[in-house]
Amino acid sequence: SFIANGFPILRQLYSDVDWRALACDFIEKHQSHSPYFLKIGAEFIDYLSNERTMLESDPAFLLELANYEWAELALFVSDEKLPVSDVGCDPFLMDAIPRLSPLAWPMVFSFPVHKIGVGFQPKEPEPAPVCLVVYRNRGNRVGFLEINPVTARLLEICEANETHLNSREILRQIAGEIPGAHVDTLLTAGEAILAQLRNLDIIYFT
């Protein structure tokens, strides 16, 4: 039942018999490395990744959906704190340094895991990667945002921003990575995206 509560969408996709068999297989095969209940989700992911022999009852997106649901739970119980931003007004965003929140996890999937449910169970991966960022805001609400590859690249740079690039410099760097990109257009669109990400507490500024 603890696994079912941690992976509610996944649980809905299995019959009672198949779910019990999966849970029993996990308990039988997996040697957990932590005694804490809150770590069971991570142990279950480890089992699916390394020890599960896929059955006909297992959907092709089993591991990806489990990872997505685990991320939501892990963020909800995380002890990490979102730093206070030093920048409060949009006109200064382009000159400030954007940082990825420790409570924001960019993730890439081959299946649209955020749409999967009893009524939608895709058999084949999407033709293009599905980019999501799962996050917890200052109100302790866990949510997700579907993003495009350009925004995913923006968050990647924000996470590893060791050279302390400001927003404008990061957007110019991304423009240089995209063949035929119009710098001014990308700067305008990028500023709006940065403001949205800041409002969702996915990034903060220093």
N, C-alpha and C. Protein backbone atom coordinates (compact mmCIF):
# COMPACT_ATOMS: atom_id res chain seq x y z
N SER A 1 0.83 -1.21 0.00
CA SER A 1 0.00 0.00 0.00
C SER A 1 0.87 1.26 0.00
N PHE A 2 2.04 1.20 0.64
CA PHE A 2 2.92 2.36 0.66
C PHE A 2 3.43 2.66 -0.75
N ILE A 3 3.77 1.60 -1.49
CA ILE A 3 4.21 1.79 -2.87
C ILE A 3 3.07 2.34 -3.70
N ALA A 4 1.87 1.82 -3.50
CA ALA A 4 0.70 2.29 -4.25
C ALA A 4 0.44 3.76 -3.99
N ASN A 5 0.60 4.19 -2.73
CA ASN A 5 0.39 5.60 -2.40
C ASN A 5 1.45 6.50 -3.01
N GLY A 6 2.67 5.97 -3.18
CA GLY A 6 3.74 6.75 -3.75
C GLY A 6 3.70 6.83 -5.27
N PHE A 7 3.01 5.88 -5.88
CA PHE A 7 2.91 5.80 -7.34
C PHE A 7 1.46 5.59 -7.74
N PRO A 8 0.59 6.56 -7.44
CA PRO A 8 -0.86 6.36 -7.61
C PRO A 8 -1.30 6.15 -9.06
N ILE A 9 -0.69 6.87 -10.01
CA ILE A 9 -1.08 6.69 -11.41
C ILE A 9 -0.67 5.30 -11.89
N LEU A 10 0.54 4.92 -11.58
CA LEU A 10 1.03 3.61 -11.97
C LEU A 10 0.14 2.51 -11.38
N ARG A 11 -0.25 2.68 -10.14
CA ARG A 11 -1.11 1.67 -9.50
C ARG A 11 -2.43 1.50 -10.26
N GLN A 12 -2.99 2.59 -10.76
CA GLN A 12 -4.27 2.53 -11.46
C GLN A 12 -4.19 1.72 -12.76
N LEU A 13 -3.00 1.59 -13.30
CA LEU A 13 -2.84 0.93 -14.59
C LEU A 13 -2.70 -0.58 -14.47
N TYR A 14 -2.62 -1.08 -13.25
CA TYR A 14 -2.47 -2.52 -13.01
C TYR A 14 -3.73 -3.10 -12.38
N SER A 15 -4.03 -4.35 -12.71
CA SER A 15 -5.07 -5.07 -11.98
C SER A 15 -4.56 -5.36 -10.58
N ASP A 16 -5.46 -5.69 -9.66
CA ASP A 16 -5.05 -6.00 -8.30
C ASP A 16 -4.05 -7.15 -8.27
N VAL A 17 -4.30 -8.16 -9.08
CA VAL A 17 -3.43 -9.34 -9.11
C VAL A 17 -2.04 -8.97 -9.62
N ASP A 18 -1.99 -8.23 -10.74
CA ASP A 18 -0.70 -7.86 -11.32
C ASP A 18 0.08 -6.92 -10.42
N TRP A 19 -0.63 -6.00 -9.75
CA TRP A 19 0.07 -5.07 -8.85
C TRP A 19 0.65 -5.80 -7.65
N ARG A 20 -0.11 -6.72 -7.10
CA ARG A 20 0.39 -7.49 -5.95
C ARG A 20 1.61 -8.30 -6.37
N ALA A 21 1.58 -8.86 -7.57
CA ALA A 21 2.72 -9.63 -8.05
C ALA A 21 3.95 -8.75 -8.22
N LEU A 22 3.76 -7.52 -8.73
CA LEU A 22 4.88 -6.60 -8.89
C LEU A 22 5.46 -6.23 -7.53
N ALA A 23 4.59 -5.91 -6.57
CA ALA A 23 5.06 -5.52 -5.25
C ALA A 23 5.80 -6.67 -4.56
N CYS A 24 5.28 -7.87 -4.71
CA CYS A 24 5.93 -9.03 -4.10
C CYS A 24 7.28 -9.31 -4.76
N ASP A 25 7.37 -9.10 -6.06
CA ASP A 25 8.63 -9.30 -6.76
C ASP A 25 9.67 -8.29 -6.28
N PHE A 26 9.23 -7.05 -6.06
CA PHE A 26 10.11 -6.01 -5.51
C PHE A 26 10.64 -6.42 -4.13
N ILE A 27 9.75 -6.88 -3.27
CA ILE A 27 10.14 -7.26 -1.90
C ILE A 27 11.08 -8.47 -1.92
N GLU A 28 10.80 -9.40 -2.83
CA GLU A 28 11.61 -10.62 -2.89
C GLU A 28 13.01 -10.38 -3.46
N LYS A 29 13.10 -9.56 -4.52
CA LYS A 29 14.36 -9.42 -5.23
C LYS A 29 15.26 -8.29 -4.73
N HIS A 30 14.65 -7.23 -4.19
CA HIS A 30 15.45 -6.03 -3.95
C HIS A 30 15.97 -5.96 -2.52
N GLN A 31 17.26 -5.73 -2.40
CA GLN A 31 17.89 -5.50 -1.10
C GLN A 31 17.97 -4.00 -0.88
N SER A 32 17.09 -3.46 -0.04
CA SER A 32 17.05 -2.02 0.19
C SER A 32 18.28 -1.56 0.96
N HIS A 33 18.71 -0.34 0.67
CA HIS A 33 19.88 0.23 1.31
C HIS A 33 19.51 1.24 2.40
N SER A 34 18.23 1.49 2.57
CA SER A 34 17.79 2.44 3.60
C SER A 34 16.60 1.85 4.36
N PRO A 35 16.55 2.05 5.68
CA PRO A 35 15.43 1.54 6.48
C PRO A 35 14.25 2.51 6.55
N TYR A 36 14.38 3.69 5.93
CA TYR A 36 13.35 4.72 6.08
C TYR A 36 12.23 4.55 5.06
N PHE A 37 11.00 4.71 5.53
CA PHE A 37 9.84 4.57 4.65
C PHE A 37 9.87 5.56 3.50
N LEU A 38 10.34 6.78 3.76
CA LEU A 38 10.36 7.79 2.71
C LEU A 38 11.34 7.45 1.60
N LYS A 39 12.22 6.49 1.85
CA LYS A 39 13.19 6.07 0.84
C LYS A 39 12.70 4.90 0.00
N ILE A 40 11.53 4.36 0.35
CA ILE A 40 11.03 3.20 -0.38
C ILE A 40 10.83 3.53 -1.86
N GLY A 41 10.37 4.74 -2.16
CA GLY A 41 10.16 5.13 -3.55
C GLY A 41 11.44 5.04 -4.36
N ALA A 42 12.54 5.53 -3.80
CA ALA A 42 13.82 5.46 -4.50
C ALA A 42 14.29 4.01 -4.65
N GLU A 43 14.03 3.20 -3.64
CA GLU A 43 14.40 1.78 -3.73
C GLU A 43 13.58 1.08 -4.81
N PHE A 44 12.32 1.46 -4.95
CA PHE A 44 11.45 0.88 -5.97
C PHE A 44 11.96 1.26 -7.36
N ILE A 45 12.40 2.50 -7.52
CA ILE A 45 12.97 2.94 -8.80
C ILE A 45 14.23 2.13 -9.11
N ASP A 46 15.05 1.89 -8.09
CA ASP A 46 16.27 1.10 -8.28
C ASP A 46 15.92 -0.32 -8.74
N TYR A 47 14.91 -0.87 -8.13
CA TYR A 47 14.44 -2.21 -8.52
C TYR A 47 13.96 -2.23 -9.97
N LEU A 48 13.14 -1.26 -10.35
CA LEU A 48 12.64 -1.22 -11.73
C LEU A 48 13.77 -1.04 -12.73
N SER A 49 14.78 -0.27 -12.34
CA SER A 49 15.89 0.02 -13.25
C SER A 49 16.83 -1.16 -13.44
N ASN A 50 17.01 -1.95 -12.39
CA ASN A 50 18.09 -2.94 -12.41
C ASN A 50 17.67 -4.40 -12.21
N GLU A 51 16.47 -4.61 -11.68
CA GLU A 51 16.11 -5.98 -11.31
C GLU A 51 14.80 -6.48 -11.90
N ARG A 52 13.98 -5.60 -12.38
CA ARG A 52 12.68 -6.00 -12.90
C ARG A 52 12.79 -6.68 -14.25
N THR A 53 12.21 -7.85 -14.38
CA THR A 53 12.07 -8.51 -15.68
C THR A 53 10.71 -8.13 -16.23
N MET A 54 10.69 -7.39 -17.33
CA MET A 54 9.45 -6.86 -17.87
C MET A 54 8.49 -7.97 -18.27
N LEU A 55 7.22 -7.80 -17.90
CA LEU A 55 6.16 -8.74 -18.23
C LEU A 55 5.18 -8.08 -19.19
N GLU A 56 4.26 -8.86 -19.74
CA GLU A 56 3.25 -8.31 -20.65
C GLU A 56 2.37 -7.28 -19.95
N SER A 57 2.19 -7.47 -18.65
CA SER A 57 1.36 -6.53 -17.89
C SER A 57 2.06 -5.21 -17.62
N ASP A 58 3.36 -5.13 -17.89
CA ASP A 58 4.12 -3.90 -17.65
C ASP A 58 4.05 -2.99 -18.87
N PRO A 59 3.61 -1.73 -18.69
CA PRO A 59 3.59 -0.81 -19.83
C PRO A 59 5.01 -0.42 -20.24
N ALA A 60 5.16 -0.04 -21.50
CA ALA A 60 6.49 0.33 -22.01
C ALA A 60 7.07 1.52 -21.26
N PHE A 61 6.19 2.36 -20.71
CA PHE A 61 6.63 3.58 -20.02
C PHE A 61 6.77 3.37 -18.51
N LEU A 62 6.79 2.13 -18.06
CA LEU A 62 6.80 1.82 -16.63
C LEU A 62 7.85 2.61 -15.87
N LEU A 63 9.10 2.50 -16.27
CA LEU A 63 10.19 3.16 -15.54
C LEU A 63 10.08 4.68 -15.60
N GLU A 64 9.73 5.21 -16.76
CA GLU A 64 9.65 6.67 -16.90
C GLU A 64 8.53 7.24 -16.03
N LEU A 65 7.36 6.59 -16.04
CA LEU A 65 6.25 7.08 -15.22
C LEU A 65 6.60 6.98 -13.75
N ALA A 66 7.24 5.89 -13.36
CA ALA A 66 7.64 5.73 -11.96
C ALA A 66 8.63 6.82 -11.55
N ASN A 67 9.58 7.14 -12.41
CA ASN A 67 10.54 8.21 -12.12
C ASN A 67 9.84 9.55 -11.95
N TYR A 68 8.86 9.81 -12.80
CA TYR A 68 8.12 11.08 -12.74
C TYR A 68 7.33 11.17 -11.43
N GLU A 69 6.64 10.10 -11.07
CA GLU A 69 5.85 10.12 -9.84
C GLU A 69 6.75 10.18 -8.61
N TRP A 70 7.90 9.49 -8.68
CA TRP A 70 8.83 9.55 -7.56
C TRP A 70 9.36 10.96 -7.36
N ALA A 71 9.64 11.66 -8.46
CA ALA A 71 10.16 13.03 -8.37
C ALA A 71 9.17 13.93 -7.64
N GLU A 72 7.88 13.77 -7.94
CA GLU A 72 6.87 14.59 -7.26
C GLU A 72 6.88 14.33 -5.76
N LEU A 73 6.95 13.07 -5.36
CA LEU A 73 6.97 12.73 -3.94
C LEU A 73 8.27 13.21 -3.28
N ALA A 74 9.40 12.99 -3.95
CA ALA A 74 10.69 13.37 -3.38
C ALA A 74 10.78 14.87 -3.16
N LEU A 75 10.25 15.65 -4.10
CA LEU A 75 10.26 17.09 -3.94
C LEU A 75 9.33 17.54 -2.81
N PHE A 76 8.21 16.86 -2.66
CA PHE A 76 7.25 17.23 -1.62
C PHE A 76 7.86 17.07 -0.22
N VAL A 77 8.69 16.05 -0.03
CA VAL A 77 9.25 15.79 1.30
C VAL A 77 10.67 16.31 1.46
N SER A 78 11.21 16.95 0.41
CA SER A 78 12.60 17.42 0.46
C SER A 78 12.80 18.48 1.54
N ASP A 79 13.98 18.44 2.16
CA ASP A 79 14.35 19.45 3.16
C ASP A 79 15.05 20.66 2.54
N GLU A 80 15.26 20.63 1.25
CA GLU A 80 15.92 21.76 0.57
C GLU A 80 15.09 23.03 0.71
N LYS A 81 15.77 24.16 0.72
CA LYS A 81 15.11 25.45 0.81
C LYS A 81 15.42 26.28 -0.44
N LEU A 82 14.42 26.99 -0.92
CA LEU A 82 14.61 27.87 -2.06
C LEU A 82 15.17 29.20 -1.57
N PRO A 83 16.37 29.59 -2.00
CA PRO A 83 16.96 30.85 -1.55
C PRO A 83 16.09 32.04 -1.92
N VAL A 84 16.20 33.09 -1.14
CA VAL A 84 15.48 34.32 -1.42
C VAL A 84 16.15 35.04 -2.59
N SER A 85 15.36 35.49 -3.54
CA SER A 85 15.91 36.18 -4.69
C SER A 85 16.31 37.60 -4.32
N ASP A 86 17.41 38.06 -4.91
CA ASP A 86 17.87 39.43 -4.67
C ASP A 86 17.25 40.41 -5.67
N VAL A 87 16.50 39.88 -6.63
CA VAL A 87 15.94 40.71 -7.70
C VAL A 87 14.42 40.64 -7.62
N GLY A 88 13.79 41.80 -7.52
CA GLY A 88 12.35 41.79 -7.37
C GLY A 88 11.58 42.36 -8.53
N CYS A 89 12.22 43.05 -9.45
CA CYS A 89 11.51 43.73 -10.54
C CYS A 89 11.96 43.20 -11.89
N ASP A 90 11.01 42.97 -12.78
CA ASP A 90 11.30 42.43 -14.10
C ASP A 90 12.33 43.23 -14.89
N PRO A 91 12.34 44.58 -14.83
CA PRO A 91 13.32 45.31 -15.64
C PRO A 91 14.77 44.96 -15.35
N PHE A 92 15.03 44.34 -14.20
CA PHE A 92 16.40 44.01 -13.83
C PHE A 92 16.77 42.54 -14.10
N LEU A 93 15.81 41.76 -14.60
CA LEU A 93 16.05 40.34 -14.78
C LEU A 93 17.18 40.07 -15.76
N MET A 94 17.28 40.85 -16.81
CA MET A 94 18.27 40.57 -17.85
C MET A 94 19.70 40.83 -17.38
N ASP A 95 19.84 41.67 -16.35
CA ASP A 95 21.17 41.97 -15.84
C ASP A 95 21.53 41.14 -14.61
N ALA A 96 20.57 40.34 -14.13
CA ALA A 96 20.80 39.52 -12.94
C ALA A 96 21.25 38.12 -13.35
N ILE A 97 21.72 37.37 -12.37
CA ILE A 97 22.22 36.01 -12.62
C ILE A 97 21.12 35.01 -12.25
N PRO A 98 20.59 34.26 -13.21
CA PRO A 98 19.55 33.28 -12.90
C PRO A 98 20.15 31.98 -12.36
N ARG A 99 19.52 31.45 -11.33
CA ARG A 99 19.97 30.20 -10.72
C ARG A 99 18.80 29.21 -10.70
N LEU A 100 19.11 27.94 -10.92
CA LEU A 100 18.07 26.93 -10.84
C LEU A 100 17.76 26.63 -9.39
N SER A 101 16.49 26.60 -9.05
CA SER A 101 16.08 26.27 -7.69
C SER A 101 16.51 24.85 -7.35
N PRO A 102 16.96 24.60 -6.12
CA PRO A 102 17.27 23.23 -5.70
C PRO A 102 16.02 22.36 -5.64
N LEU A 103 14.85 23.00 -5.72
CA LEU A 103 13.58 22.28 -5.71
C LEU A 103 12.95 22.24 -7.10
N ALA A 104 13.77 22.35 -8.12
CA ALA A 104 13.31 22.25 -9.51
C ALA A 104 14.20 21.24 -10.23
N TRP A 105 13.57 20.21 -10.77
CA TRP A 105 14.31 19.12 -11.42
C TRP A 105 13.92 19.02 -12.88
N PRO A 106 14.74 19.49 -13.80
CA PRO A 106 14.48 19.26 -15.22
C PRO A 106 14.64 17.76 -15.53
N MET A 107 13.70 17.23 -16.30
CA MET A 107 13.70 15.81 -16.63
C MET A 107 13.33 15.63 -18.10
N VAL A 108 13.91 14.63 -18.73
CA VAL A 108 13.64 14.35 -20.13
C VAL A 108 13.12 12.92 -20.26
N PHE A 109 12.01 12.76 -20.96
CA PHE A 109 11.38 11.46 -21.13
C PHE A 109 11.15 11.18 -22.61
N SER A 110 10.94 9.92 -22.93
CA SER A 110 10.56 9.54 -24.29
C SER A 110 9.05 9.38 -24.40
N PHE A 111 8.36 9.28 -23.25
CA PHE A 111 6.90 9.21 -23.22
C PHE A 111 6.35 10.46 -22.52
N PRO A 112 5.13 10.91 -22.89
CA PRO A 112 4.52 12.06 -22.21
C PRO A 112 3.95 11.65 -20.86
N VAL A 113 4.81 11.44 -19.89
CA VAL A 113 4.42 10.85 -18.61
C VAL A 113 3.41 11.72 -17.86
N HIS A 114 3.43 13.03 -18.09
CA HIS A 114 2.53 13.93 -17.38
C HIS A 114 1.08 13.82 -17.88
N LYS A 115 0.88 13.10 -18.98
CA LYS A 115 -0.46 12.93 -19.54
C LYS A 115 -1.00 11.51 -19.35
N ILE A 116 -0.16 10.61 -18.90
CA ILE A 116 -0.55 9.20 -18.82
C ILE A 116 -1.56 8.97 -17.70
N GLY A 117 -2.53 8.14 -17.99
CA GLY A 117 -3.55 7.76 -17.03
C GLY A 117 -4.30 6.56 -17.58
N VAL A 118 -5.37 6.19 -16.90
CA VAL A 118 -6.16 5.04 -17.33
C VAL A 118 -6.64 5.22 -18.77
N GLY A 119 -7.01 6.44 -19.14
CA GLY A 119 -7.54 6.69 -20.48
C GLY A 119 -6.51 7.00 -21.53
N PHE A 120 -5.24 7.08 -21.15
CA PHE A 120 -4.18 7.39 -22.12
C PHE A 120 -2.94 6.62 -21.75
N GLN A 121 -2.65 5.56 -22.50
CA GLN A 121 -1.49 4.71 -22.24
C GLN A 121 -0.77 4.45 -23.57
N PRO A 122 0.13 5.35 -23.96
CA PRO A 122 0.81 5.21 -25.25
C PRO A 122 1.66 3.95 -25.33
N LYS A 123 1.70 3.37 -26.50
CA LYS A 123 2.47 2.16 -26.73
C LYS A 123 3.88 2.46 -27.24
N GLU A 124 4.02 3.60 -27.92
CA GLU A 124 5.29 3.95 -28.53
C GLU A 124 5.80 5.29 -27.99
N PRO A 125 7.11 5.47 -27.94
CA PRO A 125 7.67 6.76 -27.51
C PRO A 125 7.28 7.88 -28.47
N GLU A 126 7.38 9.11 -27.98
CA GLU A 126 7.15 10.28 -28.82
C GLU A 126 8.30 10.43 -29.82
N PRO A 127 8.04 11.05 -30.96
CA PRO A 127 9.11 11.24 -31.94
C PRO A 127 10.21 12.18 -31.46
N ALA A 128 9.87 13.07 -30.54
CA ALA A 128 10.86 14.01 -29.98
C ALA A 128 10.86 13.87 -28.46
N PRO A 129 11.97 14.20 -27.80
CA PRO A 129 12.04 14.10 -26.34
C PRO A 129 10.96 14.97 -25.67
N VAL A 130 10.43 14.48 -24.57
CA VAL A 130 9.46 15.22 -23.77
C VAL A 130 10.21 15.85 -22.60
N CYS A 131 10.30 17.17 -22.60
CA CYS A 131 11.06 17.90 -21.58
C CYS A 131 10.11 18.48 -20.53
N LEU A 132 10.34 18.14 -19.29
CA LEU A 132 9.53 18.65 -18.19
C LEU A 132 10.45 19.18 -17.10
N VAL A 133 9.92 20.07 -16.29
CA VAL A 133 10.60 20.43 -15.05
C VAL A 133 9.58 20.26 -13.93
N VAL A 134 9.93 19.41 -12.98
CA VAL A 134 9.09 19.19 -11.80
C VAL A 134 9.65 20.07 -10.69
N TYR A 135 8.78 20.77 -9.98
CA TYR A 135 9.27 21.77 -9.02
C TYR A 135 8.34 21.88 -7.81
N ARG A 136 8.89 22.45 -6.75
CA ARG A 136 8.09 22.83 -5.57
C ARG A 136 8.27 24.31 -5.34
N ASN A 137 7.17 25.03 -5.21
CA ASN A 137 7.29 26.49 -5.07
C ASN A 137 7.36 26.89 -3.59
N ARG A 138 7.40 28.20 -3.37
CA ARG A 138 7.54 28.70 -1.99
C ARG A 138 6.31 28.41 -1.14
N GLY A 139 5.19 28.10 -1.79
CA GLY A 139 4.00 27.71 -1.06
C GLY A 139 3.92 26.22 -0.81
N ASN A 140 5.02 25.51 -1.10
CA ASN A 140 5.13 24.06 -0.91
C ASN A 140 4.18 23.27 -1.80
N ARG A 141 3.80 23.87 -2.92
CA ARG A 141 3.00 23.15 -3.90
C ARG A 141 3.93 22.54 -4.95
N VAL A 142 3.74 21.26 -5.23
CA VAL A 142 4.52 20.57 -6.25
C VAL A 142 3.77 20.63 -7.58
N GLY A 143 4.47 21.01 -8.63
CA GLY A 143 3.84 21.09 -9.95
C GLY A 143 4.83 20.71 -11.02
N PHE A 144 4.40 20.82 -12.26
CA PHE A 144 5.30 20.54 -13.37
C PHE A 144 5.04 21.55 -14.48
N LEU A 145 6.03 21.72 -15.32
CA LEU A 145 5.90 22.60 -16.48
C LEU A 145 6.53 21.88 -17.66
N GLU A 146 5.76 21.77 -18.75
CA GLU A 146 6.31 21.21 -19.98
C GLU A 146 7.09 22.31 -20.68
N ILE A 147 8.31 22.03 -21.06
CA ILE A 147 9.18 23.03 -21.65
C ILE A 147 9.73 22.52 -22.99
N ASN A 148 10.20 23.46 -23.80
CA ASN A 148 10.81 23.07 -25.07
C ASN A 148 12.32 22.91 -24.87
N PRO A 149 13.02 22.37 -25.88
CA PRO A 149 14.47 22.15 -25.72
C PRO A 149 15.27 23.42 -25.44
N VAL A 150 14.81 24.56 -25.94
CA VAL A 150 15.53 25.81 -25.69
C VAL A 150 15.45 26.18 -24.21
N THR A 151 14.25 26.06 -23.63
CA THR A 151 14.10 26.34 -22.20
C THR A 151 14.86 25.32 -21.37
N ALA A 152 14.86 24.06 -21.82
CA ALA A 152 15.62 23.03 -21.12
C ALA A 152 17.11 23.38 -21.12
N ARG A 153 17.59 23.90 -22.23
CA ARG A 153 19.00 24.32 -22.31
C ARG A 153 19.25 25.52 -21.38
N LEU A 154 18.30 26.43 -21.31
CA LEU A 154 18.41 27.58 -20.42
C LEU A 154 18.55 27.12 -18.97
N LEU A 155 17.73 26.15 -18.55
CA LEU A 155 17.79 25.66 -17.19
C LEU A 155 19.09 24.90 -16.93
N GLU A 156 19.57 24.21 -17.95
CA GLU A 156 20.84 23.51 -17.82
C GLU A 156 21.97 24.48 -17.53
N ILE A 157 21.98 25.60 -18.23
CA ILE A 157 23.03 26.60 -18.01
C ILE A 157 22.85 27.26 -16.64
N CYS A 158 21.61 27.53 -16.25
CA CYS A 158 21.36 28.12 -14.93
C CYS A 158 21.85 27.21 -13.81
N GLU A 159 21.71 25.90 -14.01
CA GLU A 159 22.12 24.95 -12.97
C GLU A 159 23.64 24.90 -12.84
N ALA A 160 24.33 25.02 -13.97
CA ALA A 160 25.80 24.91 -13.97
C ALA A 160 26.47 26.25 -14.25
N ASN A 161 25.88 27.34 -13.76
CA ASN A 161 26.34 28.68 -14.08
C ASN A 161 27.53 29.07 -13.21
N GLU A 162 28.65 28.37 -13.42
CA GLU A 162 29.84 28.63 -12.61
C GLU A 162 30.56 29.91 -13.01
N THR A 163 30.30 30.39 -14.21
CA THR A 163 30.96 31.62 -14.66
C THR A 163 30.12 32.87 -14.36
N HIS A 164 28.99 32.67 -13.70
CA HIS A 164 28.14 33.77 -13.24
C HIS A 164 27.64 34.64 -14.40
N LEU A 165 27.20 33.99 -15.46
CA LEU A 165 26.62 34.73 -16.59
C LEU A 165 25.28 35.31 -16.19
N ASN A 166 24.98 36.53 -16.65
CA ASN A 166 23.65 37.08 -16.40
C ASN A 166 22.67 36.58 -17.47
N SER A 167 21.42 36.95 -17.31
CA SER A 167 20.37 36.44 -18.21
C SER A 167 20.66 36.76 -19.66
N ARG A 168 21.06 37.99 -19.92
CA ARG A 168 21.32 38.42 -21.30
C ARG A 168 22.46 37.60 -21.91
N GLU A 169 23.50 37.38 -21.14
CA GLU A 169 24.65 36.62 -21.64
C GLU A 169 24.29 35.16 -21.91
N ILE A 170 23.46 34.60 -21.05
CA ILE A 170 23.03 33.21 -21.26
C ILE A 170 22.19 33.08 -22.52
N LEU A 171 21.26 34.01 -22.71
CA LEU A 171 20.40 33.97 -23.90
C LEU A 171 21.21 34.17 -25.18
N ARG A 172 22.20 35.03 -25.12
CA ARG A 172 23.07 35.21 -26.29
C ARG A 172 23.87 33.94 -26.58
N GLN A 173 24.30 33.27 -25.53
CA GLN A 173 25.02 32.01 -25.71
C GLN A 173 24.12 30.98 -26.39
N ILE A 174 22.88 30.88 -25.92
CA ILE A 174 21.94 29.92 -26.52
C ILE A 174 21.67 30.28 -27.98
N ALA A 175 21.51 31.57 -28.26
CA ALA A 175 21.28 32.00 -29.64
C ALA A 175 22.44 31.57 -30.54
N GLY A 176 23.66 31.62 -30.00
CA GLY A 176 24.82 31.21 -30.78
C GLY A 176 24.87 29.72 -31.03
N GLU A 177 24.11 28.95 -30.24
CA GLU A 177 24.07 27.49 -30.40
C GLU A 177 23.00 27.04 -31.38
N ILE A 178 22.10 27.97 -31.76
CA ILE A 178 20.99 27.62 -32.64
C ILE A 178 21.25 28.19 -34.03
N PRO A 179 21.42 27.35 -35.03
CA PRO A 179 21.67 27.86 -36.39
C PRO A 179 20.54 28.76 -36.88
N GLY A 180 20.89 29.94 -37.34
CA GLY A 180 19.89 30.86 -37.90
C GLY A 180 19.05 31.60 -36.88
N ALA A 181 19.38 31.49 -35.61
CA ALA A 181 18.58 32.16 -34.58
C ALA A 181 18.73 33.67 -34.67
N HIS A 182 17.63 34.39 -34.46
CA HIS A 182 17.64 35.84 -34.44
C HIS A 182 17.83 36.28 -32.99
N VAL A 183 18.94 36.91 -32.70
CA VAL A 183 19.31 37.20 -31.32
C VAL A 183 18.27 38.07 -30.62
N ASP A 184 17.83 39.14 -31.25
CA ASP A 184 16.88 40.05 -30.60
C ASP A 184 15.56 39.35 -30.30
N THR A 185 15.10 38.50 -31.23
CA THR A 185 13.86 37.77 -31.01
C THR A 185 14.00 36.81 -29.83
N LEU A 186 15.14 36.13 -29.77
CA LEU A 186 15.35 35.19 -28.68
C LEU A 186 15.49 35.91 -27.34
N LEU A 187 16.11 37.09 -27.35
CA LEU A 187 16.22 37.86 -26.11
C LEU A 187 14.85 38.29 -25.59
N THR A 188 13.99 38.71 -26.50
CA THR A 188 12.64 39.13 -26.10
C THR A 188 11.85 37.95 -25.54
N ALA A 189 11.86 36.83 -26.27
CA ALA A 189 11.14 35.64 -25.82
C ALA A 189 11.76 35.09 -24.54
N GLY A 190 13.08 35.14 -24.48
CA GLY A 190 13.77 34.62 -23.31
C GLY A 190 13.47 35.39 -22.05
N GLU A 191 13.32 36.70 -22.17
CA GLU A 191 12.99 37.51 -21.00
C GLU A 191 11.64 37.12 -20.43
N ALA A 192 10.67 36.88 -21.32
CA ALA A 192 9.34 36.46 -20.88
C ALA A 192 9.40 35.08 -20.20
N ILE A 193 10.19 34.19 -20.75
CA ILE A 193 10.32 32.86 -20.16
C ILE A 193 10.99 32.93 -18.79
N LEU A 194 12.02 33.76 -18.68
CA LEU A 194 12.68 33.93 -17.39
C LEU A 194 11.72 34.45 -16.32
N ALA A 195 10.88 35.40 -16.71
CA ALA A 195 9.90 35.93 -15.77
C ALA A 195 8.92 34.85 -15.34
N GLN A 196 8.48 34.01 -16.30
CA GLN A 196 7.56 32.92 -15.97
C GLN A 196 8.22 31.92 -15.02
N LEU A 197 9.46 31.56 -15.32
CA LEU A 197 10.17 30.60 -14.48
C LEU A 197 10.39 31.16 -13.07
N ARG A 198 10.67 32.46 -12.99
CA ARG A 198 10.82 33.09 -11.68
C ARG A 198 9.50 33.09 -10.91
N ASN A 199 8.40 33.37 -11.59
CA ASN A 199 7.10 33.41 -10.94
C ASN A 199 6.67 32.04 -10.43
N LEU A 200 7.14 30.99 -11.10
CA LEU A 200 6.82 29.62 -10.67
C LEU A 200 7.81 29.10 -9.63
N ASP A 201 8.83 29.90 -9.30
CA ASP A 201 9.88 29.50 -8.35
C ASP A 201 10.75 28.37 -8.88
N ILE A 202 10.85 28.28 -10.20
CA ILE A 202 11.75 27.31 -10.82
C ILE A 202 13.18 27.85 -10.83
N ILE A 203 13.29 29.17 -10.98
CA ILE A 203 14.58 29.82 -10.87
C ILE A 203 14.47 30.98 -9.88
N TYR A 204 15.62 31.46 -9.45
CA TYR A 204 15.70 32.67 -8.64
C TYR A 204 16.90 33.46 -9.15
N PHE A 205 17.01 34.71 -8.74
CA PHE A 205 18.06 35.57 -9.27
C PHE A 205 18.97 36.09 -8.17
N THR A 206 20.25 36.25 -8.54
CA THR A 206 21.22 36.82 -7.59
C THR A 206 21.94 37.98 -8.27
